[in-house]
Amino acid sequence: MTLILLPPSEGKSGRSRGNAVDLPSLSFPELNPVRESVLETLAKVSSSEDAYGVLGVGPSLKDEVERNTRWRTEPSVPVSELYSGVLYDALGYSTLPAGTKRRANSRLLVMSAAWGALRMGDRVPAYRLSMGTTLPGLGPLASVWREPLAASLEAVAGKSVIVDCRSSTYAAAWRPSGEQAAKWVSVSVVRERGGVRSVVSHNAKHTRGLVARHLLESGKDPGTPKALHKLISERWNAELERTGAAWTLTVVEHD
């Protein structure tokens, strides 16, 4: 089974009514002690005078920061509806056929600074927290999550091809190692103009969302990075290269 890793988005869709988060019902319940530690620390930080500085946001996000303090009682939202933005618009989960949604529910994993790892059917409240944040008393969140995520995700990944659509900030929280690194494929996007290539950021999110959707709609689970490359090359100009023990799949867009 292919495992597709997604970053979260800064944009999140909260609700005004609904049930609060039920921790025992979330995927990877073994992560709950770390989740509670991170979220309780986040709540304290979010109610402090230096909240904006610690979280790296401005006063315009006052309501979102205050919402962090109510994480236990805020209405929860399915992960499939929580995240918005370029990547998730391109993925278009709500427009997937029923069978493809079932594939998405088992193959997509969203990495979260607050929750560690989530599946599309999990329900959590909207929050404001980046993996690049250092929380007082806990330290850099990528370091906080590294060991717990390794224990959970290595078991889930097994011998699957791991398609990594995360940014480097979120990739720092878990990097497949050992035999799994040989099936770890990071998706990169470049633009080629006049024979010169440049890295793109905003459009890269869009393309990664499309890549994830294409994989889900194909109904296939490539067993090797080379098989993944063949599948992606059906739609895009793509290149596969070894980067250390792992792989990078580069989608080349032309102007």
Foldseek 3Di string as FASTA:
>chain_A
DEAEEEEFAQAWDFDPDAFAADLVPFPPSVCVVLLVVLLCLLLVLLPDPCNCVQQVHDCVCNVQSNVSNVFRGGHWDQQLRTGDAQLSVLLVLVPDPPQLNVVQQLRYWYADLNRGIGGRGHIGGRHRHFQQGQGPPQGRSLVSQQVVNCVVVCVSCPQAQYEYAYDPSRCSNYDDDDNNQLRYEYEFEWEAEPNDIDGDDRVSSNVSSNLVNQVSVVVDGDNGPVSSLVSVVVPFPWDWDDDDSHIYIYGYHYD
